Amino acid sequence: MYPGNYPKKRYRITKAFLEQTISKQEKIIDLGVVNPFSEILKKEGYHITNTKGEDLDFDTKAVQANDYDVATAFEIFEHLVSPLNVLKDIKAKKLIASVPLKLWFASAYKSKTDPWDRHYHEFEDWQFDWLLEKAGWKIKKSEKFTNPVKKFGLRPIMRYFTPRYYLIYAERV
């Protein structure tokens, strides 16, 4: 579908990060419903099971299964009121996650049309690191990257230089 030419920069960066940290033989529980990126990873040979859209603030049963080696969460934790709960309950021994970074020149995202599509948190890197540490994870690798948008204005220009996403690989302590 996308032979190395992914529709979004973050897909390309996230996939390369994943390839550096886990093998295709490991079983993955991906927090969030099936999405374009999880479909790309399936086509690339990764063994992924997605959660079913349950409210992970209250229902963490899906991540408590011992059937998975790795948990992935790409832009999920910012939507949770309390990401600590699900992070503590994950039984997989490895975690790969990305979160949007708090930008000084833009307020937190809130959809005007979808009441569920909002960010309760946009993190500074140290905040996410601390959250992971409190939940029993040790970060082994991290990366920040920009996500430019094709618009004109001061904020779009700032997005060329200011990292927007924070990507981590962590292991259970």
N, C-alpha and C. Protein backbone atom coordinates (compact mmCIF):
# COMPACT_ATOMS: atom_id res chain seq x y z
N MET A 1 0.83 -1.20 0.00
CA MET A 1 0.00 0.00 0.00
C MET A 1 0.87 1.26 0.00
N TYR A 2 1.79 1.35 0.98
CA TYR A 2 2.71 2.47 1.06
C TYR A 2 4.13 1.91 1.09
N PRO A 3 4.71 1.55 -0.04
CA PRO A 3 6.03 0.91 -0.04
C PRO A 3 7.12 1.88 0.43
N GLY A 4 7.25 2.06 1.74
CA GLY A 4 8.27 2.94 2.28
C GLY A 4 7.92 4.41 2.19
N ASN A 5 6.83 4.74 1.52
CA ASN A 5 6.41 6.13 1.36
C ASN A 5 5.09 6.32 2.08
N TYR A 6 5.16 6.51 3.38
CA TYR A 6 3.95 6.57 4.19
C TYR A 6 3.28 7.92 4.10
N PRO A 7 1.96 7.95 4.30
CA PRO A 7 1.22 9.20 4.12
C PRO A 7 1.53 10.24 5.19
N LYS A 8 2.12 9.83 6.30
CA LYS A 8 2.42 10.77 7.37
C LYS A 8 3.85 10.55 7.85
N LYS A 9 4.54 11.64 8.10
CA LYS A 9 5.92 11.58 8.58
C LYS A 9 6.01 10.75 9.86
N ARG A 10 5.04 10.93 10.75
CA ARG A 10 5.11 10.21 12.03
C ARG A 10 4.99 8.70 11.84
N TYR A 11 4.29 8.24 10.79
CA TYR A 11 4.23 6.80 10.52
C TYR A 11 5.62 6.27 10.18
N ARG A 12 6.32 6.99 9.32
CA ARG A 12 7.66 6.57 8.90
C ARG A 12 8.61 6.53 10.09
N ILE A 13 8.61 7.56 10.90
CA ILE A 13 9.50 7.63 12.06
C ILE A 13 9.14 6.57 13.09
N THR A 14 7.85 6.40 13.37
CA THR A 14 7.40 5.42 14.36
C THR A 14 7.73 4.01 13.91
N LYS A 15 7.53 3.70 12.64
CA LYS A 15 7.83 2.37 12.13
C LYS A 15 9.33 2.08 12.23
N ALA A 16 10.17 3.04 11.89
CA ALA A 16 11.62 2.85 12.00
C ALA A 16 12.03 2.63 13.46
N PHE A 17 11.42 3.36 14.37
CA PHE A 17 11.70 3.21 15.81
C PHE A 17 11.30 1.81 16.27
N LEU A 18 10.14 1.37 15.83
CA LEU A 18 9.64 0.03 16.18
C LEU A 18 10.61 -1.04 15.68
N GLU A 19 11.08 -0.90 14.44
CA GLU A 19 12.00 -1.87 13.86
C GLU A 19 13.32 -1.95 14.63
N GLN A 20 13.72 -0.86 15.27
CA GLN A 20 14.97 -0.82 16.04
C GLN A 20 14.82 -1.43 17.43
N THR A 21 13.59 -1.58 17.91
CA THR A 21 13.40 -1.96 19.31
C THR A 21 12.73 -3.31 19.54
N ILE A 22 11.95 -3.80 18.60
CA ILE A 22 11.30 -5.11 18.79
C ILE A 22 11.37 -5.92 17.50
N SER A 23 11.09 -7.20 17.62
CA SER A 23 11.09 -8.08 16.44
C SER A 23 9.66 -8.33 15.97
N LYS A 24 9.54 -8.76 14.75
CA LYS A 24 8.22 -9.08 14.20
C LYS A 24 7.61 -10.34 14.81
N GLN A 25 8.41 -11.11 15.52
CA GLN A 25 7.90 -12.33 16.15
C GLN A 25 7.16 -12.04 17.46
N GLU A 26 7.39 -10.88 18.04
CA GLU A 26 6.75 -10.54 19.31
C GLU A 26 5.28 -10.20 19.09
N LYS A 27 4.44 -10.63 20.03
CA LYS A 27 3.00 -10.35 19.94
C LYS A 27 2.71 -9.00 20.60
N ILE A 28 1.92 -8.18 19.89
CA ILE A 28 1.67 -6.80 20.30
C ILE A 28 0.20 -6.60 20.63
N ILE A 29 -0.05 -5.92 21.76
CA ILE A 29 -1.38 -5.39 22.05
C ILE A 29 -1.27 -3.89 21.79
N ASP A 30 -2.04 -3.39 20.86
CA ASP A 30 -2.01 -1.98 20.49
C ASP A 30 -3.21 -1.28 21.12
N LEU A 31 -2.94 -0.31 21.99
CA LEU A 31 -4.01 0.43 22.65
C LEU A 31 -4.68 1.33 21.62
N GLY A 32 -5.98 1.15 21.48
CA GLY A 32 -6.75 1.89 20.49
C GLY A 32 -7.32 0.94 19.46
N VAL A 33 -8.37 1.38 18.82
CA VAL A 33 -9.03 0.56 17.80
C VAL A 33 -8.14 0.46 16.56
N VAL A 34 -8.49 -0.48 15.68
CA VAL A 34 -7.77 -0.63 14.42
C VAL A 34 -7.73 0.73 13.72
N ASN A 35 -6.56 1.07 13.20
CA ASN A 35 -6.36 2.39 12.59
C ASN A 35 -5.41 2.24 11.41
N PRO A 36 -5.23 3.28 10.61
CA PRO A 36 -4.35 3.13 9.44
C PRO A 36 -2.94 2.67 9.77
N PHE A 37 -2.37 3.13 10.90
CA PHE A 37 -1.01 2.72 11.23
C PHE A 37 -0.95 1.26 11.66
N SER A 38 -1.92 0.79 12.44
CA SER A 38 -1.90 -0.64 12.83
C SER A 38 -2.09 -1.52 11.61
N GLU A 39 -2.85 -1.06 10.64
CA GLU A 39 -3.02 -1.82 9.39
C GLU A 39 -1.71 -1.89 8.61
N ILE A 40 -0.97 -0.80 8.57
CA ILE A 40 0.34 -0.80 7.91
C ILE A 40 1.26 -1.82 8.57
N LEU A 41 1.28 -1.81 9.91
CA LEU A 41 2.16 -2.74 10.64
C LEU A 41 1.76 -4.19 10.40
N LYS A 42 0.47 -4.47 10.32
CA LYS A 42 0.01 -5.84 10.02
C LYS A 42 0.51 -6.28 8.65
N LYS A 43 0.42 -5.38 7.67
CA LYS A 43 0.88 -5.70 6.32
C LYS A 43 2.39 -5.89 6.27
N GLU A 44 3.10 -5.28 7.22
CA GLU A 44 4.56 -5.42 7.32
C GLU A 44 4.96 -6.69 8.07
N GLY A 45 3.98 -7.45 8.59
CA GLY A 45 4.28 -8.71 9.24
C GLY A 45 4.27 -8.71 10.76
N TYR A 46 3.86 -7.61 11.37
CA TYR A 46 3.77 -7.58 12.84
C TYR A 46 2.49 -8.27 13.29
N HIS A 47 2.54 -8.92 14.45
CA HIS A 47 1.39 -9.63 15.04
C HIS A 47 0.72 -8.69 16.03
N ILE A 48 -0.34 -8.01 15.59
CA ILE A 48 -0.98 -6.97 16.39
C ILE A 48 -2.43 -7.31 16.67
N THR A 49 -2.83 -7.09 17.91
CA THR A 49 -4.22 -7.13 18.31
C THR A 49 -4.55 -5.76 18.89
N ASN A 50 -5.60 -5.14 18.41
CA ASN A 50 -6.01 -3.84 18.92
C ASN A 50 -7.04 -3.99 20.03
N THR A 51 -7.06 -3.01 20.93
CA THR A 51 -8.14 -2.98 21.91
C THR A 51 -9.42 -2.62 21.15
N LYS A 52 -10.55 -2.74 21.81
CA LYS A 52 -11.84 -2.65 21.11
C LYS A 52 -12.56 -1.31 21.28
N GLY A 53 -11.89 -0.31 21.83
CA GLY A 53 -12.53 0.98 22.01
C GLY A 53 -13.08 1.17 23.41
N GLU A 54 -12.79 0.22 24.31
CA GLU A 54 -13.23 0.38 25.69
C GLU A 54 -12.57 1.61 26.31
N ASP A 55 -13.19 2.17 27.33
CA ASP A 55 -12.65 3.33 28.03
C ASP A 55 -11.54 2.83 28.96
N LEU A 56 -10.30 3.03 28.54
CA LEU A 56 -9.16 2.51 29.29
C LEU A 56 -8.92 3.21 30.62
N ASP A 57 -9.63 4.29 30.89
CA ASP A 57 -9.58 4.89 32.23
C ASP A 57 -10.25 3.97 33.25
N PHE A 58 -11.27 3.22 32.80
CA PHE A 58 -12.04 2.37 33.70
C PHE A 58 -11.85 0.87 33.46
N ASP A 59 -11.61 0.49 32.20
CA ASP A 59 -11.57 -0.92 31.83
C ASP A 59 -10.21 -1.26 31.21
N THR A 60 -9.34 -1.87 32.01
CA THR A 60 -7.99 -2.20 31.53
C THR A 60 -7.79 -3.69 31.32
N LYS A 61 -8.87 -4.45 31.26
CA LYS A 61 -8.75 -5.92 31.11
C LYS A 61 -7.94 -6.31 29.88
N ALA A 62 -8.10 -5.60 28.79
CA ALA A 62 -7.42 -5.96 27.54
C ALA A 62 -5.90 -5.96 27.70
N VAL A 63 -5.36 -5.06 28.51
CA VAL A 63 -3.90 -4.98 28.66
C VAL A 63 -3.39 -5.86 29.80
N GLN A 64 -4.30 -6.48 30.54
CA GLN A 64 -3.91 -7.34 31.65
C GLN A 64 -3.65 -8.78 31.20
N ALA A 65 -3.93 -9.09 29.94
CA ALA A 65 -3.68 -10.44 29.42
C ALA A 65 -2.18 -10.67 29.33
N ASN A 66 -1.76 -11.89 29.66
CA ASN A 66 -0.35 -12.25 29.61
C ASN A 66 0.06 -12.76 28.23
N ASP A 67 -0.80 -12.63 27.24
CA ASP A 67 -0.55 -13.18 25.91
C ASP A 67 0.38 -12.32 25.05
N TYR A 68 0.76 -11.15 25.51
CA TYR A 68 1.47 -10.19 24.67
C TYR A 68 2.86 -9.90 25.21
N ASP A 69 3.80 -9.71 24.28
CA ASP A 69 5.17 -9.35 24.63
C ASP A 69 5.36 -7.84 24.72
N VAL A 70 4.60 -7.12 23.88
CA VAL A 70 4.78 -5.68 23.72
C VAL A 70 3.42 -5.00 23.75
N ALA A 71 3.36 -3.84 24.40
CA ALA A 71 2.19 -2.97 24.30
C ALA A 71 2.62 -1.74 23.52
N THR A 72 1.79 -1.33 22.57
CA THR A 72 2.05 -0.09 21.84
C THR A 72 0.89 0.86 22.09
N ALA A 73 1.22 2.13 22.12
CA ALA A 73 0.20 3.17 22.34
C ALA A 73 0.67 4.42 21.61
N PHE A 74 0.16 4.61 20.42
CA PHE A 74 0.57 5.74 19.60
C PHE A 74 -0.51 6.81 19.66
N GLU A 75 -0.18 7.90 20.35
CA GLU A 75 -1.09 9.03 20.56
C GLU A 75 -2.40 8.56 21.21
N ILE A 76 -2.28 7.88 22.34
CA ILE A 76 -3.44 7.38 23.10
C ILE A 76 -3.50 8.01 24.49
N PHE A 77 -2.37 8.09 25.18
CA PHE A 77 -2.39 8.49 26.59
C PHE A 77 -2.89 9.91 26.81
N GLU A 78 -2.75 10.78 25.84
CA GLU A 78 -3.24 12.15 26.00
C GLU A 78 -4.77 12.22 26.05
N HIS A 79 -5.43 11.17 25.58
CA HIS A 79 -6.90 11.13 25.59
C HIS A 79 -7.47 10.59 26.89
N LEU A 80 -6.62 10.04 27.75
CA LEU A 80 -7.07 9.45 29.00
C LEU A 80 -7.00 10.48 30.13
N VAL A 81 -7.98 10.45 31.01
CA VAL A 81 -7.94 11.32 32.18
C VAL A 81 -6.82 10.85 33.10
N SER A 82 -6.68 9.53 33.24
CA SER A 82 -5.66 8.98 34.14
C SER A 82 -4.87 7.88 33.44
N PRO A 83 -3.87 8.23 32.64
CA PRO A 83 -3.07 7.20 31.97
C PRO A 83 -2.29 6.31 32.93
N LEU A 84 -2.09 6.75 34.16
CA LEU A 84 -1.35 5.94 35.14
C LEU A 84 -2.01 4.58 35.33
N ASN A 85 -3.33 4.53 35.38
CA ASN A 85 -4.05 3.27 35.62
C ASN A 85 -3.71 2.22 34.57
N VAL A 86 -3.82 2.56 33.31
CA VAL A 86 -3.57 1.58 32.26
C VAL A 86 -2.08 1.25 32.18
N LEU A 87 -1.21 2.24 32.40
CA LEU A 87 0.23 1.96 32.37
C LEU A 87 0.63 0.98 33.46
N LYS A 88 0.03 1.08 34.63
CA LYS A 88 0.33 0.15 35.73
C LYS A 88 -0.19 -1.26 35.42
N ASP A 89 -1.32 -1.36 34.72
CA ASP A 89 -1.97 -2.64 34.49
C ASP A 89 -1.43 -3.43 33.30
N ILE A 90 -0.64 -2.81 32.45
CA ILE A 90 -0.09 -3.52 31.28
C ILE A 90 0.79 -4.67 31.76
N LYS A 91 0.51 -5.87 31.26
CA LYS A 91 1.30 -7.06 31.63
C LYS A 91 2.47 -7.31 30.69
N ALA A 92 2.42 -6.79 29.48
CA ALA A 92 3.54 -6.95 28.54
C ALA A 92 4.80 -6.38 29.18
N LYS A 93 5.93 -6.94 28.83
CA LYS A 93 7.21 -6.51 29.43
C LYS A 93 7.85 -5.33 28.70
N LYS A 94 7.33 -5.01 27.51
CA LYS A 94 7.88 -3.91 26.71
C LYS A 94 6.76 -2.95 26.33
N LEU A 95 7.11 -1.68 26.20
CA LEU A 95 6.15 -0.65 25.83
C LEU A 95 6.78 0.29 24.81
N ILE A 96 6.07 0.53 23.73
CA ILE A 96 6.46 1.56 22.78
C ILE A 96 5.27 2.51 22.70
N ALA A 97 5.53 3.78 22.99
CA ALA A 97 4.43 4.74 23.04
C ALA A 97 4.89 6.09 22.51
N SER A 98 3.93 6.82 21.97
CA SER A 98 4.21 8.20 21.57
C SER A 98 3.09 9.08 22.11
N VAL A 99 3.48 10.30 22.45
CA VAL A 99 2.53 11.29 22.95
C VAL A 99 2.84 12.63 22.29
N PRO A 100 1.81 13.48 22.16
CA PRO A 100 2.09 14.82 21.67
C PRO A 100 2.74 15.65 22.78
N LEU A 101 3.71 16.42 22.40
CA LEU A 101 4.36 17.32 23.36
C LEU A 101 3.58 18.62 23.47
N LYS A 102 3.61 19.18 24.66
CA LYS A 102 2.97 20.47 24.90
C LYS A 102 3.75 21.53 24.12
N LEU A 103 3.05 22.32 23.33
CA LEU A 103 3.68 23.38 22.55
C LEU A 103 3.36 24.72 23.19
N TRP A 104 4.36 25.53 23.39
CA TRP A 104 4.15 26.83 24.04
C TRP A 104 3.33 27.78 23.17
N PHE A 105 3.26 27.52 21.88
CA PHE A 105 2.57 28.43 20.98
C PHE A 105 1.20 27.91 20.51
N ALA A 106 0.73 26.82 21.09
CA ALA A 106 -0.58 26.27 20.70
C ALA A 106 -1.23 25.62 21.92
N SER A 107 -2.52 25.80 22.06
CA SER A 107 -3.23 25.19 23.19
C SER A 107 -3.51 23.72 22.88
N ALA A 108 -3.90 22.97 23.90
CA ALA A 108 -4.19 21.54 23.75
C ALA A 108 -5.31 21.35 22.73
N TYR A 109 -5.22 20.25 22.01
CA TYR A 109 -6.18 19.95 20.95
C TYR A 109 -7.55 19.57 21.50
N LYS A 110 -8.59 20.12 20.89
CA LYS A 110 -9.97 19.76 21.22
C LYS A 110 -10.80 19.86 19.95
N SER A 111 -11.35 18.73 19.52
CA SER A 111 -12.16 18.71 18.30
C SER A 111 -13.43 19.54 18.49
N LYS A 112 -13.81 20.24 17.45
CA LYS A 112 -15.05 21.03 17.49
C LYS A 112 -16.27 20.19 17.15
N THR A 113 -16.05 19.00 16.57
CA THR A 113 -17.17 18.18 16.12
C THR A 113 -17.31 16.86 16.87
N ASP A 114 -16.22 16.34 17.45
CA ASP A 114 -16.25 15.04 18.11
C ASP A 114 -15.96 15.22 19.60
N PRO A 115 -16.96 15.00 20.47
CA PRO A 115 -16.75 15.24 21.90
C PRO A 115 -15.74 14.30 22.55
N TRP A 116 -15.39 13.18 21.90
CA TRP A 116 -14.42 12.24 22.44
C TRP A 116 -13.00 12.56 21.98
N ASP A 117 -12.86 13.34 20.93
CA ASP A 117 -11.56 13.62 20.34
C ASP A 117 -10.97 14.88 20.97
N ARG A 118 -10.36 14.70 22.13
CA ARG A 118 -9.73 15.82 22.83
C ARG A 118 -8.55 15.31 23.63
N HIS A 119 -7.66 16.24 23.93
CA HIS A 119 -6.47 15.90 24.70
C HIS A 119 -6.63 16.42 26.12
N TYR A 120 -6.66 15.50 27.08
CA TYR A 120 -6.66 15.90 28.48
C TYR A 120 -5.26 16.29 28.91
N HIS A 121 -4.26 15.72 28.23
CA HIS A 121 -2.86 15.99 28.55
C HIS A 121 -2.11 16.20 27.25
N GLU A 122 -1.26 17.17 27.24
CA GLU A 122 -0.18 17.25 26.26
C GLU A 122 1.05 17.42 27.12
N PHE A 123 1.98 16.51 26.97
CA PHE A 123 3.06 16.33 27.92
C PHE A 123 4.31 17.13 27.59
N GLU A 124 5.06 17.47 28.61
CA GLU A 124 6.47 17.79 28.44
C GLU A 124 7.18 16.46 28.61
N ASP A 125 8.34 16.30 27.99
CA ASP A 125 9.00 15.00 28.03
C ASP A 125 9.23 14.52 29.46
N TRP A 126 9.64 15.40 30.36
CA TRP A 126 9.91 14.99 31.74
C TRP A 126 8.64 14.50 32.44
N GLN A 127 7.48 15.06 32.07
CA GLN A 127 6.23 14.62 32.69
C GLN A 127 5.89 13.18 32.27
N PHE A 128 6.06 12.89 30.99
CA PHE A 128 5.78 11.54 30.52
C PHE A 128 6.79 10.55 31.11
N ASP A 129 8.06 10.95 31.17
CA ASP A 129 9.08 10.10 31.79
C ASP A 129 8.70 9.76 33.23
N TRP A 130 8.26 10.75 33.97
CA TRP A 130 7.90 10.56 35.37
C TRP A 130 6.68 9.65 35.51
N LEU A 131 5.71 9.86 34.65
CA LEU A 131 4.51 9.01 34.64
C LEU A 131 4.91 7.56 34.40
N LEU A 132 5.76 7.32 33.43
CA LEU A 132 6.22 5.95 33.15
C LEU A 132 6.97 5.36 34.33
N GLU A 133 7.84 6.15 34.94
CA GLU A 133 8.59 5.68 36.09
C GLU A 133 7.64 5.30 37.24
N LYS A 134 6.65 6.15 37.51
CA LYS A 134 5.68 5.86 38.58
C LYS A 134 4.89 4.59 38.31
N ALA A 135 4.68 4.28 37.03
CA ALA A 135 3.91 3.10 36.65
C ALA A 135 4.77 1.84 36.55
N GLY A 136 6.07 1.96 36.81
CA GLY A 136 6.94 0.78 36.82
C GLY A 136 7.66 0.49 35.51
N TRP A 137 7.93 1.52 34.71
CA TRP A 137 8.62 1.37 33.44
C TRP A 137 9.96 2.08 33.48
N LYS A 138 10.94 1.53 32.76
CA LYS A 138 12.24 2.19 32.61
C LYS A 138 12.46 2.47 31.13
N ILE A 139 12.65 3.72 30.79
CA ILE A 139 12.85 4.13 29.40
C ILE A 139 14.24 3.69 28.95
N LYS A 140 14.28 2.98 27.82
CA LYS A 140 15.53 2.50 27.25
C LYS A 140 15.96 3.32 26.03
N LYS A 141 14.97 3.94 25.37
CA LYS A 141 15.27 4.71 24.16
C LYS A 141 14.14 5.73 23.99
N SER A 142 14.50 6.92 23.52
CA SER A 142 13.47 7.93 23.25
C SER A 142 13.89 8.79 22.08
N GLU A 143 12.90 9.44 21.50
CA GLU A 143 13.15 10.29 20.34
C GLU A 143 12.04 11.34 20.27
N LYS A 144 12.41 12.55 19.90
CA LYS A 144 11.43 13.62 19.65
C LYS A 144 11.49 13.97 18.17
N PHE A 145 10.35 14.35 17.62
CA PHE A 145 10.37 14.74 16.22
C PHE A 145 9.30 15.78 15.92
N THR A 146 9.54 16.52 14.84
CA THR A 146 8.62 17.57 14.41
C THR A 146 7.53 16.97 13.54
N ASN A 147 6.48 17.74 13.35
CA ASN A 147 5.40 17.33 12.46
C ASN A 147 4.86 18.57 11.74
N PRO A 148 5.57 19.01 10.70
CA PRO A 148 5.12 20.20 9.98
C PRO A 148 3.75 20.01 9.35
N VAL A 149 3.01 21.09 9.23
CA VAL A 149 1.72 21.07 8.56
C VAL A 149 1.80 21.97 7.33
N LYS A 150 0.98 21.66 6.34
CA LYS A 150 1.02 22.42 5.09
C LYS A 150 0.03 23.58 5.16
N LYS A 151 0.33 24.52 6.05
CA LYS A 151 -0.47 25.73 6.21
C LYS A 151 0.48 26.89 6.30
N PHE A 152 -0.06 28.09 6.19
CA PHE A 152 0.75 29.29 6.28
C PHE A 152 0.43 30.02 7.58
N GLY A 153 1.46 30.54 8.22
CA GLY A 153 1.28 31.30 9.45
C GLY A 153 2.43 31.05 10.39
N LEU A 154 2.41 31.77 11.52
CA LEU A 154 3.48 31.64 12.49
C LEU A 154 3.53 30.25 13.12
N ARG A 155 2.38 29.73 13.56
CA ARG A 155 2.37 28.40 14.19
C ARG A 155 2.82 27.29 13.23
N PRO A 156 2.33 27.27 11.99
CA PRO A 156 2.85 26.25 11.06
C PRO A 156 4.36 26.35 10.84
N ILE A 157 4.90 27.55 10.79
CA ILE A 157 6.34 27.70 10.64
C ILE A 157 7.06 27.16 11.88
N MET A 158 6.51 27.45 13.06
CA MET A 158 7.11 26.96 14.31
C MET A 158 7.13 25.43 14.36
N ARG A 159 6.14 24.78 13.74
CA ARG A 159 6.07 23.32 13.75
C ARG A 159 7.21 22.67 12.95
N TYR A 160 7.86 23.44 12.08
CA TYR A 160 9.03 22.91 11.36
C TYR A 160 10.24 22.76 12.27
N PHE A 161 10.28 23.53 13.36
CA PHE A 161 11.45 23.57 14.23
C PHE A 161 11.21 23.01 15.62
N THR A 162 9.96 22.95 16.04
CA THR A 162 9.64 22.56 17.40
C THR A 162 9.14 21.12 17.43
N PRO A 163 9.80 20.24 18.17
CA PRO A 163 9.31 18.85 18.24
C PRO A 163 7.87 18.79 18.73
N ARG A 164 7.06 17.99 18.06
CA ARG A 164 5.65 17.84 18.40
C ARG A 164 5.38 16.50 19.09
N TYR A 165 6.16 15.46 18.76
CA TYR A 165 5.91 14.13 19.29
C TYR A 165 7.10 13.62 20.07
N TYR A 166 6.79 12.81 21.07
CA TYR A 166 7.79 12.17 21.92
C TYR A 166 7.51 10.68 21.87
N LEU A 167 8.50 9.91 21.45
CA LEU A 167 8.37 8.47 21.23
C LEU A 167 9.33 7.76 22.18
N ILE A 168 8.84 6.73 22.89
CA ILE A 168 9.69 6.03 23.85
C ILE A 168 9.60 4.52 23.66
N TYR A 169 10.69 3.85 24.05
CA TYR A 169 10.69 2.40 24.23
C TYR A 169 11.06 2.19 25.68
N ALA A 170 10.23 1.45 26.42
CA ALA A 170 10.48 1.19 27.84
C ALA A 170 10.28 -0.29 28.14
N GLU A 171 10.90 -0.72 29.22
CA GLU A 171 10.75 -2.08 29.68
C GLU A 171 10.24 -2.05 31.13
N ARG A 172 9.46 -3.08 31.48
CA ARG A 172 8.93 -3.20 32.82
C ARG A 172 10.08 -3.40 33.79
N VAL A 173 10.06 -2.65 34.88
CA VAL A 173 11.11 -2.75 35.92
C VAL A 173 10.81 -3.96 36.79
